Amino acid sequence: MLEENNGFPELTESSTRLLFLNFGPEEVRSFLPLVPELRRKGISVEIYPDSVKIKKQMHYADQKKIPYVVLAGPEELASGKFTLRNMKTGEQQKMSPEELMDFFV
């Protein structure tokens, strides 16, 4: 409700460093084991709670000033590599789960 009514102060920055976008249950299962591992290593991680349009999920990351998002859609599921997007620069790179872990540690 606070998000919908712009109830958060604009200067508040998110401590979340990484947001996994939600393409659906099968895709979420592909990265779910990484979330607790990243958190154990001190990386603040969120999973977008619903599989809504990607544009809406990216807008959420922008609003919360989350610096990185992970796209784990059908293409990534097939290739076994996630797409890591830098929200500030727009740069994207494909990474295996191990490379993703190494990137943040």
N, C-alpha and C. Protein backbone atom coordinates (compact mmCIF):
# COMPACT_ATOMS: atom_id res chain seq x y z
N MET A 1 0.82 -1.18 0.00
CA MET A 1 0.00 0.00 0.00
C MET A 1 0.88 1.26 0.00
N LEU A 2 1.97 1.24 0.77
CA LEU A 2 2.86 2.39 0.81
C LEU A 2 3.47 2.66 -0.56
N GLU A 3 3.83 1.60 -1.29
CA GLU A 3 4.40 1.79 -2.61
C GLU A 3 3.39 2.41 -3.56
N GLU A 4 2.16 1.94 -3.53
CA GLU A 4 1.13 2.46 -4.42
C GLU A 4 0.82 3.93 -4.15
N ASN A 5 0.92 4.34 -2.90
CA ASN A 5 0.61 5.72 -2.53
C ASN A 5 1.85 6.59 -2.37
N ASN A 6 2.99 6.08 -2.85
CA ASN A 6 4.26 6.80 -2.71
C ASN A 6 4.50 7.25 -1.28
N GLY A 7 4.30 6.34 -0.34
CA GLY A 7 4.44 6.65 1.08
C GLY A 7 5.86 6.55 1.60
N PHE A 8 6.80 6.11 0.77
CA PHE A 8 8.19 6.02 1.19
C PHE A 8 8.91 7.31 0.82
N PRO A 9 9.78 7.80 1.68
CA PRO A 9 10.56 8.99 1.32
C PRO A 9 11.44 8.70 0.11
N GLU A 10 11.61 9.68 -0.76
CA GLU A 10 12.39 9.49 -1.98
C GLU A 10 13.86 9.23 -1.72
N LEU A 11 14.40 9.75 -0.64
CA LEU A 11 15.82 9.61 -0.37
C LEU A 11 16.20 8.26 0.21
N THR A 12 15.20 7.46 0.57
CA THR A 12 15.48 6.15 1.12
C THR A 12 16.06 5.25 0.04
N GLU A 13 17.23 4.70 0.31
CA GLU A 13 17.83 3.79 -0.65
C GLU A 13 17.72 2.37 -0.13
N SER A 14 17.52 1.46 -1.03
CA SER A 14 17.37 0.07 -0.66
C SER A 14 18.72 -0.53 -0.29
N SER A 15 18.69 -1.41 0.66
CA SER A 15 19.91 -2.14 0.98
C SER A 15 19.99 -3.41 0.13
N THR A 16 18.93 -3.71 -0.60
CA THR A 16 18.92 -4.87 -1.49
C THR A 16 19.89 -4.63 -2.64
N ARG A 17 20.77 -5.58 -2.85
CA ARG A 17 21.76 -5.45 -3.93
C ARG A 17 21.37 -6.22 -5.18
N LEU A 18 20.46 -7.20 -5.02
CA LEU A 18 20.14 -8.07 -6.15
C LEU A 18 18.68 -8.48 -6.09
N LEU A 19 18.00 -8.33 -7.22
CA LEU A 19 16.60 -8.74 -7.34
C LEU A 19 16.49 -9.79 -8.42
N PHE A 20 15.95 -10.95 -8.06
CA PHE A 20 15.65 -11.98 -9.05
C PHE A 20 14.26 -11.70 -9.59
N LEU A 21 14.17 -11.53 -10.91
CA LEU A 21 12.87 -11.31 -11.54
C LEU A 21 12.11 -12.63 -11.58
N ASN A 22 10.79 -12.52 -11.52
CA ASN A 22 9.93 -13.69 -11.42
C ASN A 22 9.24 -13.94 -12.75
N PHE A 23 9.66 -14.98 -13.47
CA PHE A 23 9.04 -15.36 -14.73
C PHE A 23 7.98 -16.45 -14.53
N GLY A 24 7.96 -17.06 -13.36
CA GLY A 24 7.00 -18.12 -13.08
C GLY A 24 7.62 -19.17 -12.18
N PRO A 25 6.80 -20.13 -11.71
CA PRO A 25 7.27 -21.12 -10.73
C PRO A 25 8.46 -21.96 -11.19
N GLU A 26 8.46 -22.38 -12.43
CA GLU A 26 9.56 -23.23 -12.92
C GLU A 26 10.88 -22.46 -12.92
N GLU A 27 10.82 -21.21 -13.36
CA GLU A 27 12.02 -20.39 -13.40
C GLU A 27 12.52 -20.06 -11.99
N VAL A 28 11.59 -19.80 -11.07
CA VAL A 28 11.98 -19.50 -9.69
C VAL A 28 12.71 -20.69 -9.08
N ARG A 29 12.24 -21.90 -9.38
CA ARG A 29 12.91 -23.10 -8.86
C ARG A 29 14.36 -23.19 -9.35
N SER A 30 14.64 -22.61 -10.52
CA SER A 30 16.00 -22.70 -11.07
C SER A 30 17.01 -21.88 -10.27
N PHE A 31 16.57 -20.80 -9.63
CA PHE A 31 17.52 -19.98 -8.88
C PHE A 31 17.29 -20.00 -7.37
N LEU A 32 16.23 -20.60 -6.92
CA LEU A 32 15.91 -20.60 -5.49
C LEU A 32 17.04 -21.08 -4.59
N PRO A 33 17.80 -22.12 -4.97
CA PRO A 33 18.91 -22.54 -4.11
C PRO A 33 20.01 -21.48 -3.94
N LEU A 34 20.14 -20.55 -4.89
CA LEU A 34 21.17 -19.52 -4.79
C LEU A 34 20.85 -18.46 -3.74
N VAL A 35 19.58 -18.21 -3.50
CA VAL A 35 19.17 -17.12 -2.61
C VAL A 35 19.74 -17.28 -1.20
N PRO A 36 19.54 -18.42 -0.53
CA PRO A 36 20.12 -18.52 0.82
C PRO A 36 21.64 -18.49 0.82
N GLU A 37 22.27 -19.02 -0.25
CA GLU A 37 23.73 -18.99 -0.32
C GLU A 37 24.24 -17.55 -0.41
N LEU A 38 23.60 -16.74 -1.23
CA LEU A 38 23.99 -15.33 -1.35
C LEU A 38 23.75 -14.60 -0.03
N ARG A 39 22.64 -14.88 0.60
CA ARG A 39 22.34 -14.23 1.87
C ARG A 39 23.34 -14.61 2.95
N ARG A 40 23.76 -15.88 2.97
CA ARG A 40 24.77 -16.31 3.94
C ARG A 40 26.10 -15.57 3.74
N LYS A 41 26.34 -15.16 2.50
CA LYS A 41 27.58 -14.44 2.20
C LYS A 41 27.41 -12.93 2.37
N GLY A 42 26.26 -12.53 2.93
CA GLY A 42 26.05 -11.12 3.25
C GLY A 42 25.45 -10.28 2.14
N ILE A 43 24.97 -10.91 1.07
CA ILE A 43 24.37 -10.19 -0.04
C ILE A 43 22.86 -10.14 0.19
N SER A 44 22.31 -8.93 0.21
CA SER A 44 20.88 -8.75 0.40
C SER A 44 20.17 -9.03 -0.94
N VAL A 45 19.31 -10.03 -0.93
CA VAL A 45 18.66 -10.52 -2.15
C VAL A 45 17.15 -10.53 -1.96
N GLU A 46 16.44 -10.17 -3.03
CA GLU A 46 14.98 -10.27 -3.05
C GLU A 46 14.57 -11.08 -4.28
N ILE A 47 13.40 -11.69 -4.17
CA ILE A 47 12.74 -12.32 -5.31
C ILE A 47 11.45 -11.55 -5.51
N TYR A 48 11.20 -11.09 -6.72
CA TYR A 48 9.94 -10.39 -6.96
C TYR A 48 8.81 -11.39 -6.70
N PRO A 49 7.81 -11.01 -5.90
CA PRO A 49 6.84 -12.00 -5.42
C PRO A 49 5.87 -12.57 -6.45
N ASP A 50 5.63 -11.85 -7.55
CA ASP A 50 4.64 -12.31 -8.53
C ASP A 50 5.25 -12.36 -9.92
N SER A 51 4.72 -13.23 -10.76
CA SER A 51 5.20 -13.29 -12.14
C SER A 51 4.36 -12.34 -13.00
N VAL A 52 4.59 -11.05 -12.79
CA VAL A 52 3.91 -10.01 -13.57
C VAL A 52 4.84 -9.56 -14.69
N LYS A 53 4.40 -8.59 -15.48
CA LYS A 53 5.21 -8.12 -16.60
C LYS A 53 6.59 -7.68 -16.12
N ILE A 54 7.58 -8.01 -16.92
CA ILE A 54 8.97 -7.70 -16.58
C ILE A 54 9.16 -6.20 -16.42
N LYS A 55 8.48 -5.42 -17.23
CA LYS A 55 8.59 -3.96 -17.13
C LYS A 55 8.22 -3.48 -15.73
N LYS A 56 7.18 -4.05 -15.16
CA LYS A 56 6.75 -3.68 -13.81
C LYS A 56 7.82 -4.09 -12.78
N GLN A 57 8.40 -5.26 -12.96
CA GLN A 57 9.43 -5.73 -12.04
C GLN A 57 10.69 -4.86 -12.13
N MET A 58 11.05 -4.45 -13.34
CA MET A 58 12.21 -3.57 -13.52
C MET A 58 11.93 -2.20 -12.91
N HIS A 59 10.71 -1.73 -13.05
CA HIS A 59 10.33 -0.44 -12.45
C HIS A 59 10.47 -0.51 -10.93
N TYR A 60 10.07 -1.62 -10.35
CA TYR A 60 10.22 -1.84 -8.91
C TYR A 60 11.70 -1.74 -8.51
N ALA A 61 12.57 -2.39 -9.27
CA ALA A 61 14.00 -2.34 -8.98
C ALA A 61 14.52 -0.91 -9.08
N ASP A 62 14.06 -0.18 -10.09
CA ASP A 62 14.46 1.23 -10.23
C ASP A 62 14.01 2.06 -9.03
N GLN A 63 12.76 1.88 -8.64
CA GLN A 63 12.21 2.65 -7.51
C GLN A 63 12.98 2.39 -6.23
N LYS A 64 13.36 1.14 -6.01
CA LYS A 64 14.07 0.76 -4.79
C LYS A 64 15.58 0.93 -4.91
N LYS A 65 16.01 1.41 -6.07
CA LYS A 65 17.45 1.62 -6.34
C LYS A 65 18.27 0.35 -6.11
N ILE A 66 17.72 -0.76 -6.60
CA ILE A 66 18.43 -2.04 -6.54
C ILE A 66 19.41 -2.06 -7.71
N PRO A 67 20.71 -2.21 -7.44
CA PRO A 67 21.70 -2.06 -8.51
C PRO A 67 21.74 -3.18 -9.55
N TYR A 68 21.32 -4.39 -9.18
CA TYR A 68 21.40 -5.51 -10.13
C TYR A 68 20.10 -6.32 -10.11
N VAL A 69 19.71 -6.80 -11.29
CA VAL A 69 18.61 -7.75 -11.38
C VAL A 69 19.09 -8.97 -12.15
N VAL A 70 18.50 -10.10 -11.82
CA VAL A 70 18.80 -11.34 -12.53
C VAL A 70 17.57 -11.76 -13.31
N LEU A 71 17.76 -11.97 -14.59
CA LEU A 71 16.70 -12.50 -15.44
C LEU A 71 16.94 -13.99 -15.56
N ALA A 72 15.94 -14.74 -15.18
CA ALA A 72 16.02 -16.19 -15.25
C ALA A 72 14.74 -16.69 -15.92
N GLY A 73 14.61 -16.34 -17.19
CA GLY A 73 13.43 -16.71 -17.96
C GLY A 73 13.63 -18.02 -18.71
N PRO A 74 12.72 -18.33 -19.61
CA PRO A 74 12.81 -19.58 -20.36
C PRO A 74 14.12 -19.74 -21.13
N GLU A 75 14.61 -18.65 -21.73
CA GLU A 75 15.87 -18.71 -22.50
C GLU A 75 17.04 -19.05 -21.57
N GLU A 76 17.06 -18.40 -20.40
CA GLU A 76 18.13 -18.67 -19.44
C GLU A 76 18.03 -20.08 -18.88
N LEU A 77 16.81 -20.52 -18.65
CA LEU A 77 16.58 -21.86 -18.14
C LEU A 77 17.13 -22.90 -19.12
N ALA A 78 16.91 -22.67 -20.41
CA ALA A 78 17.38 -23.60 -21.45
C ALA A 78 18.90 -23.60 -21.56
N SER A 79 19.53 -22.42 -21.39
CA SER A 79 20.98 -22.33 -21.56
C SER A 79 21.76 -22.65 -20.29
N GLY A 80 21.08 -22.58 -19.13
CA GLY A 80 21.77 -22.82 -17.86
C GLY A 80 22.56 -21.63 -17.38
N LYS A 81 22.37 -20.47 -18.02
CA LYS A 81 23.06 -19.24 -17.62
C LYS A 81 22.03 -18.14 -17.39
N PHE A 82 22.21 -17.43 -16.28
CA PHE A 82 21.33 -16.31 -15.95
C PHE A 82 21.83 -15.05 -16.66
N THR A 83 20.95 -14.08 -16.81
CA THR A 83 21.35 -12.78 -17.33
C THR A 83 21.38 -11.81 -16.16
N LEU A 84 22.55 -11.24 -15.89
CA LEU A 84 22.72 -10.25 -14.83
C LEU A 84 22.70 -8.88 -15.49
N ARG A 85 21.81 -8.02 -15.03
CA ARG A 85 21.69 -6.67 -15.59
C ARG A 85 22.09 -5.64 -14.56
N ASN A 86 23.00 -4.77 -14.93
CA ASN A 86 23.39 -3.62 -14.12
C ASN A 86 22.34 -2.55 -14.38
N MET A 87 21.58 -2.19 -13.36
CA MET A 87 20.47 -1.26 -13.54
C MET A 87 20.94 0.17 -13.81
N LYS A 88 22.14 0.49 -13.40
CA LYS A 88 22.65 1.85 -13.62
C LYS A 88 23.13 2.03 -15.05
N THR A 89 23.88 1.06 -15.56
CA THR A 89 24.47 1.19 -16.89
C THR A 89 23.65 0.49 -17.98
N GLY A 90 22.79 -0.45 -17.59
CA GLY A 90 22.02 -1.20 -18.57
C GLY A 90 22.78 -2.37 -19.16
N GLU A 91 24.04 -2.53 -18.77
CA GLU A 91 24.85 -3.63 -19.30
C GLU A 91 24.31 -4.96 -18.77
N GLN A 92 24.36 -5.97 -19.64
CA GLN A 92 23.91 -7.31 -19.28
C GLN A 92 25.00 -8.31 -19.62
N GLN A 93 25.09 -9.34 -18.78
CA GLN A 93 26.02 -10.42 -19.08
C GLN A 93 25.43 -11.75 -18.63
N LYS A 94 25.76 -12.78 -19.38
CA LYS A 94 25.31 -14.13 -19.06
C LYS A 94 26.27 -14.74 -18.06
N MET A 95 25.70 -15.40 -17.04
CA MET A 95 26.54 -16.01 -16.00
C MET A 95 25.95 -17.33 -15.55
N SER A 96 26.83 -18.25 -15.28
CA SER A 96 26.41 -19.51 -14.66
C SER A 96 26.09 -19.20 -13.20
N PRO A 97 25.41 -20.10 -12.50
CA PRO A 97 25.17 -19.88 -11.07
C PRO A 97 26.46 -19.65 -10.29
N GLU A 98 27.51 -20.37 -10.62
CA GLU A 98 28.80 -20.22 -9.92
C GLU A 98 29.40 -18.85 -10.19
N GLU A 99 29.34 -18.39 -11.44
CA GLU A 99 29.87 -17.07 -11.79
C GLU A 99 29.09 -15.97 -11.09
N LEU A 100 27.79 -16.17 -10.98
CA LEU A 100 26.95 -15.20 -10.28
C LEU A 100 27.35 -15.09 -8.82
N MET A 101 27.58 -16.24 -8.18
CA MET A 101 28.01 -16.24 -6.80
C MET A 101 29.35 -15.52 -6.65
N ASP A 102 30.29 -15.81 -7.54
CA ASP A 102 31.61 -15.20 -7.48
C ASP A 102 31.55 -13.69 -7.72
N PHE A 103 30.63 -13.25 -8.57
CA PHE A 103 30.50 -11.83 -8.89
C PHE A 103 30.17 -11.01 -7.64
N PHE A 104 29.37 -11.57 -6.75
CA PHE A 104 28.92 -10.82 -5.58
C PHE A 104 29.75 -11.08 -4.33
N VAL A 105 30.68 -11.99 -4.39
CA VAL A 105 31.49 -12.30 -3.21
C VAL A 105 32.88 -11.73 -3.33
